[in-house]
Amino acid sequence: MATTRTSNFRRTALDHFEPEGVSDPVAQRKLRGQLEQIDYTAFAASREVVAATVGRIDARDFQRVAVSAAHARARWVKEALALADGVHAPAPEQVVRLGQLRAAYEELAEVYEGLRRMVERGYVAYSQAEAR
């Protein structure tokens, strides 16, 4: 799988096969039907596995992940500001620590986006429980 890096999250794109030179309309329809079946199989498998693993989610779950990501972002920025106050360039271990804090924030932001996609695609059941 190829991963494209954007400003604050990764998008994963599958390397789909694209046939060259299939000019027969009947063969094209047949191939499209086969590919739709493959995509549906992947959807059904994802829905079954994710629903069994994650279970039912609600607004509180989103809130917990969002708050966790916000804390991670705040720690990352606070650390960067503290390093910027120094007279000298940050030491290599300080830069490594800053990278770890950024990675933690990015991972939590990815979880939020992934969870949202799971709801959007119908992989998990979502209930409208009120956020606290």
C-alpha atoms as a PDB file:
ATOM      1  CA  MET A   1       0.000   0.000   0.000  1.00  0.00           C
ATOM      2  CA  ALA A   2       1.169   3.488  -0.785  1.00  0.00           C
ATOM      3  CA  THR A   3       0.892   6.152   1.886  1.00  0.00           C
ATOM      4  CA  THR A   4       0.474   9.809   1.002  1.00  0.00           C
ATOM      5  CA  ARG A   5       1.461  12.287   3.673  1.00  0.00           C
ATOM      6  CA  THR A   6      -0.680  15.402   4.025  1.00  0.00           C
ATOM      7  CA  SER A   7      -0.458  18.235   6.499  1.00  0.00           C
ATOM      8  CA  ASN A   8      -1.856  16.293   9.426  1.00  0.00           C
ATOM      9  CA  PHE A   9      -2.829  12.769   8.440  1.00  0.00           C
ATOM     10  CA  ARG A  10      -1.956   9.909   6.147  1.00  0.00           C
ATOM     11  CA  ARG A  11      -4.126   8.620   3.362  1.00  0.00           C
ATOM     12  CA  THR A  12      -3.615   5.057   2.345  1.00  0.00           C
ATOM     13  CA  ALA A  13      -4.338   4.197  -1.263  1.00  0.00           C
ATOM     14  CA  LEU A  14      -4.577   0.651  -2.499  1.00  0.00           C
ATOM     15  CA  ASP A  15      -2.732  -0.146  -5.672  1.00  0.00           C
ATOM     16  CA  HIS A  16      -5.735  -1.145  -7.778  1.00  0.00           C
ATOM     17  CA  PHE A  17      -5.173  -3.035 -10.998  1.00  0.00           C
ATOM     18  CA  GLU A  18      -6.173  -1.051 -14.057  1.00  0.00           C
ATOM     19  CA  PRO A  19      -6.455  -3.187 -17.191  1.00  0.00           C
ATOM     20  CA  GLU A  20      -4.967  -1.794 -20.370  1.00  0.00           C
ATOM     21  CA  GLY A  21      -6.462  -2.243 -23.772  1.00  0.00           C
ATOM     22  CA  VAL A  22      -9.781  -3.801 -22.766  1.00  0.00           C
ATOM     23  CA  SER A  23     -11.936  -2.334 -25.520  1.00  0.00           C
ATOM     24  CA  ASP A  24     -14.677  -4.983 -25.542  1.00  0.00           C
ATOM     25  CA  PRO A  25     -17.691  -3.464 -23.707  1.00  0.00           C
ATOM     26  CA  VAL A  26     -18.898  -6.892 -22.567  1.00  0.00           C
ATOM     27  CA  ALA A  27     -15.481  -7.716 -21.098  1.00  0.00           C
ATOM     28  CA  GLN A  28     -15.359  -4.285 -19.430  1.00  0.00           C
ATOM     29  CA  ARG A  29     -18.785  -4.794 -17.774  1.00  0.00           C
ATOM     30  CA  LYS A  30     -17.769  -8.261 -16.647  1.00  0.00           C
ATOM     31  CA  LEU A  31     -14.522  -6.951 -15.168  1.00  0.00           C
ATOM     32  CA  ARG A  32     -16.318  -4.047 -13.430  1.00  0.00           C
ATOM     33  CA  GLY A  33     -18.769  -6.521 -11.929  1.00  0.00           C
ATOM     34  CA  GLN A  34     -15.937  -8.697 -10.672  1.00  0.00           C
ATOM     35  CA  LEU A  35     -14.153  -5.697  -9.156  1.00  0.00           C
ATOM     36  CA  GLU A  36     -17.372  -4.530  -7.475  1.00  0.00           C
ATOM     37  CA  GLN A  37     -17.744  -7.998  -5.971  1.00  0.00           C
ATOM     38  CA  ILE A  38     -14.174  -7.840  -4.688  1.00  0.00           C
ATOM     39  CA  ASP A  39     -14.823  -4.406  -3.156  1.00  0.00           C
ATOM     40  CA  TYR A  40     -18.048  -5.652  -1.559  1.00  0.00           C
ATOM     41  CA  THR A  41     -16.215  -8.651  -0.100  1.00  0.00           C
ATOM     42  CA  ALA A  42     -13.654  -6.310   1.481  1.00  0.00           C
ATOM     43  CA  PHE A  43     -16.470  -4.091   2.801  1.00  0.00           C
ATOM     44  CA  ALA A  44     -18.340  -7.033   4.324  1.00  0.00           C
ATOM     45  CA  ALA A  45     -15.172  -8.396   5.929  1.00  0.00           C
ATOM     46  CA  SER A  46     -14.296  -4.966   7.368  1.00  0.00           C
ATOM     47  CA  ARG A  47     -17.815  -4.465   8.709  1.00  0.00           C
ATOM     48  CA  GLU A  48     -17.826  -7.882  10.374  1.00  0.00           C
ATOM     49  CA  VAL A  49     -14.344  -7.680  11.887  1.00  0.00           C
ATOM     50  CA  VAL A  50     -14.465  -4.021  12.950  1.00  0.00           C
ATOM     51  CA  ALA A  51     -17.945  -4.321  14.468  1.00  0.00           C
ATOM     52  CA  ALA A  52     -16.909  -7.412  16.432  1.00  0.00           C
ATOM     53  CA  THR A  53     -13.679  -5.783  17.613  1.00  0.00           C
ATOM     54  CA  VAL A  54     -14.773  -2.204  18.283  1.00  0.00           C
ATOM     55  CA  GLY A  55     -18.437  -2.761  19.073  1.00  0.00           C
ATOM     56  CA  ARG A  56     -20.997   0.010  19.375  1.00  0.00           C
ATOM     57  CA  ILE A  57     -19.686   3.560  19.673  1.00  0.00           C
ATOM     58  CA  ASP A  58     -21.231   6.870  20.602  1.00  0.00           C
ATOM     59  CA  ALA A  59     -20.376  10.555  20.931  1.00  0.00           C
ATOM     60  CA  ARG A  60     -18.529   9.914  24.199  1.00  0.00           C
ATOM     61  CA  ASP A  61     -16.095   7.649  22.366  1.00  0.00           C
ATOM     62  CA  PHE A  62     -15.390  10.388  19.835  1.00  0.00           C
ATOM     63  CA  GLN A  63     -15.027  12.896  22.643  1.00  0.00           C
ATOM     64  CA  ARG A  64     -12.510  10.700  24.489  1.00  0.00           C
ATOM     65  CA  VAL A  65     -10.367  10.303  21.382  1.00  0.00           C
ATOM     66  CA  ALA A  66     -10.639  14.015  20.521  1.00  0.00           C
ATOM     67  CA  VAL A  67      -9.643  15.069  24.044  1.00  0.00           C
ATOM     68  CA  SER A  68      -6.723  12.644  24.009  1.00  0.00           C
ATOM     69  CA  ALA A  69      -5.548  14.037  20.657  1.00  0.00           C
ATOM     70  CA  ALA A  70      -5.931  17.595  21.962  1.00  0.00           C
ATOM     71  CA  HIS A  71      -3.786  16.781  25.009  1.00  0.00           C
ATOM     72  CA  ALA A  72      -1.148  15.175  22.785  1.00  0.00           C
ATOM     73  CA  ARG A  73      -1.124  18.210  20.492  1.00  0.00           C
ATOM     74  CA  ALA A  74      -0.812  20.553  23.465  1.00  0.00           C
ATOM     75  CA  ARG A  75       2.130  18.542  24.907  1.00  0.00           C
ATOM     76  CA  TRP A  76       3.857  18.607  21.516  1.00  0.00           C
ATOM     77  CA  VAL A  77       3.414  22.370  21.068  1.00  0.00           C
ATOM     78  CA  LYS A  78       4.340  23.138  24.692  1.00  0.00           C
ATOM     79  CA  GLU A  79       7.557  21.158  24.279  1.00  0.00           C
ATOM     80  CA  ALA A  80       8.351  22.917  20.993  1.00  0.00           C
ATOM     81  CA  LEU A  81       7.795  26.325  22.582  1.00  0.00           C
ATOM     82  CA  ALA A  82      10.038  25.400  25.498  1.00  0.00           C
ATOM     83  CA  LEU A  83      12.779  24.313  23.085  1.00  0.00           C
ATOM     84  CA  ALA A  84      12.390  27.533  21.113  1.00  0.00           C
ATOM     85  CA  ASP A  85      13.006  29.570  24.280  1.00  0.00           C
ATOM     86  CA  GLY A  86      16.503  28.136  24.575  1.00  0.00           C
ATOM     87  CA  VAL A  87      19.619  30.049  23.595  1.00  0.00           C
ATOM     88  CA  HIS A  88      21.120  27.057  21.776  1.00  0.00           C
ATOM     89  CA  ALA A  89      19.773  24.666  19.198  1.00  0.00           C
ATOM     90  CA  PRO A  90      17.917  21.738  20.781  1.00  0.00           C
ATOM     91  CA  ALA A  91      19.991  18.685  21.573  1.00  0.00           C
ATOM     92  CA  PRO A  92      19.422  15.633  19.386  1.00  0.00           C
ATOM     93  CA  GLU A  93      17.587  13.802  22.193  1.00  0.00           C
ATOM     94  CA  GLN A  94      15.268  16.807  22.602  1.00  0.00           C
ATOM     95  CA  VAL A  95      14.453  16.689  18.890  1.00  0.00           C
ATOM     96  CA  VAL A  96      13.786  12.952  19.163  1.00  0.00           C
ATOM     97  CA  ARG A  97      11.419  13.590  22.083  1.00  0.00           C
ATOM     98  CA  LEU A  98       9.651  16.308  20.081  1.00  0.00           C
ATOM     99  CA  GLY A  99       9.235  13.856  17.202  1.00  0.00           C
ATOM    100  CA  GLN A 100       7.758  11.278  19.571  1.00  0.00           C
ATOM    101  CA  LEU A 101       5.253  13.824  20.856  1.00  0.00           C
ATOM    102  CA  ARG A 102       4.291  14.778  17.295  1.00  0.00           C
ATOM    103  CA  ALA A 103       3.904  11.123  16.348  1.00  0.00           C
ATOM    104  CA  ALA A 104       1.641  10.546  19.359  1.00  0.00           C
ATOM    105  CA  TYR A 105      -0.574  13.453  18.325  1.00  0.00           C
ATOM    106  CA  GLU A 106      -0.681  12.326  14.688  1.00  0.00           C
ATOM    107  CA  GLU A 107      -1.575   8.755  15.652  1.00  0.00           C
ATOM    108  CA  LEU A 108      -4.431   9.919  17.870  1.00  0.00           C
ATOM    109  CA  ALA A 109      -5.680  12.252  15.132  1.00  0.00           C
ATOM    110  CA  GLU A 110      -5.575   9.279  12.740  1.00  0.00           C
ATOM    111  CA  VAL A 111      -7.618   7.211  15.194  1.00  0.00           C
ATOM    112  CA  TYR A 112     -10.273   9.917  15.238  1.00  0.00           C
ATOM    113  CA  GLU A 113     -10.360  10.053  11.418  1.00  0.00           C
ATOM    114  CA  GLY A 114     -10.374   6.257  11.181  1.00  0.00           C
ATOM    115  CA  LEU A 115     -13.213   5.971  13.653  1.00  0.00           C
ATOM    116  CA  ARG A 116     -15.177   8.577  11.720  1.00  0.00           C
ATOM    117  CA  ARG A 117     -14.631   6.620   8.483  1.00  0.00           C
ATOM    118  CA  MET A 118     -15.807   3.436  10.210  1.00  0.00           C
ATOM    119  CA  VAL A 119     -19.087   5.136  11.099  1.00  0.00           C
ATOM    120  CA  GLU A 120     -19.410   6.695   7.649  1.00  0.00           C
ATOM    121  CA  ARG A 121     -18.903   3.330   5.941  1.00  0.00           C
ATOM    122  CA  GLY A 122     -21.210   1.462   8.299  1.00  0.00           C
ATOM    123  CA  TYR A 123     -18.515  -0.729   9.849  1.00  0.00           C
ATOM    124  CA  VAL A 124     -19.627   0.106  13.385  1.00  0.00           C
ATOM    125  CA  ALA A 125     -22.978   0.956  14.920  1.00  0.00           C
ATOM    126  CA  TYR A 126     -23.207   4.542  16.160  1.00  0.00           C
ATOM    127  CA  SER A 127     -25.643   5.724  18.783  1.00  0.00           C
ATOM    128  CA  GLN A 128     -26.439   9.347  19.546  1.00  0.00           C
ATOM    129  CA  ALA A 129     -25.471   9.267  23.227  1.00  0.00           C
ATOM    130  CA  GLU A 130     -24.891  12.769  24.494  1.00  0.00           C
ATOM    131  CA  ALA A 131     -21.286  13.917  24.944  1.00  0.00           C
ATOM    132  CA  ARG A 132     -20.288  15.076  28.396  1.00  0.00           C
END
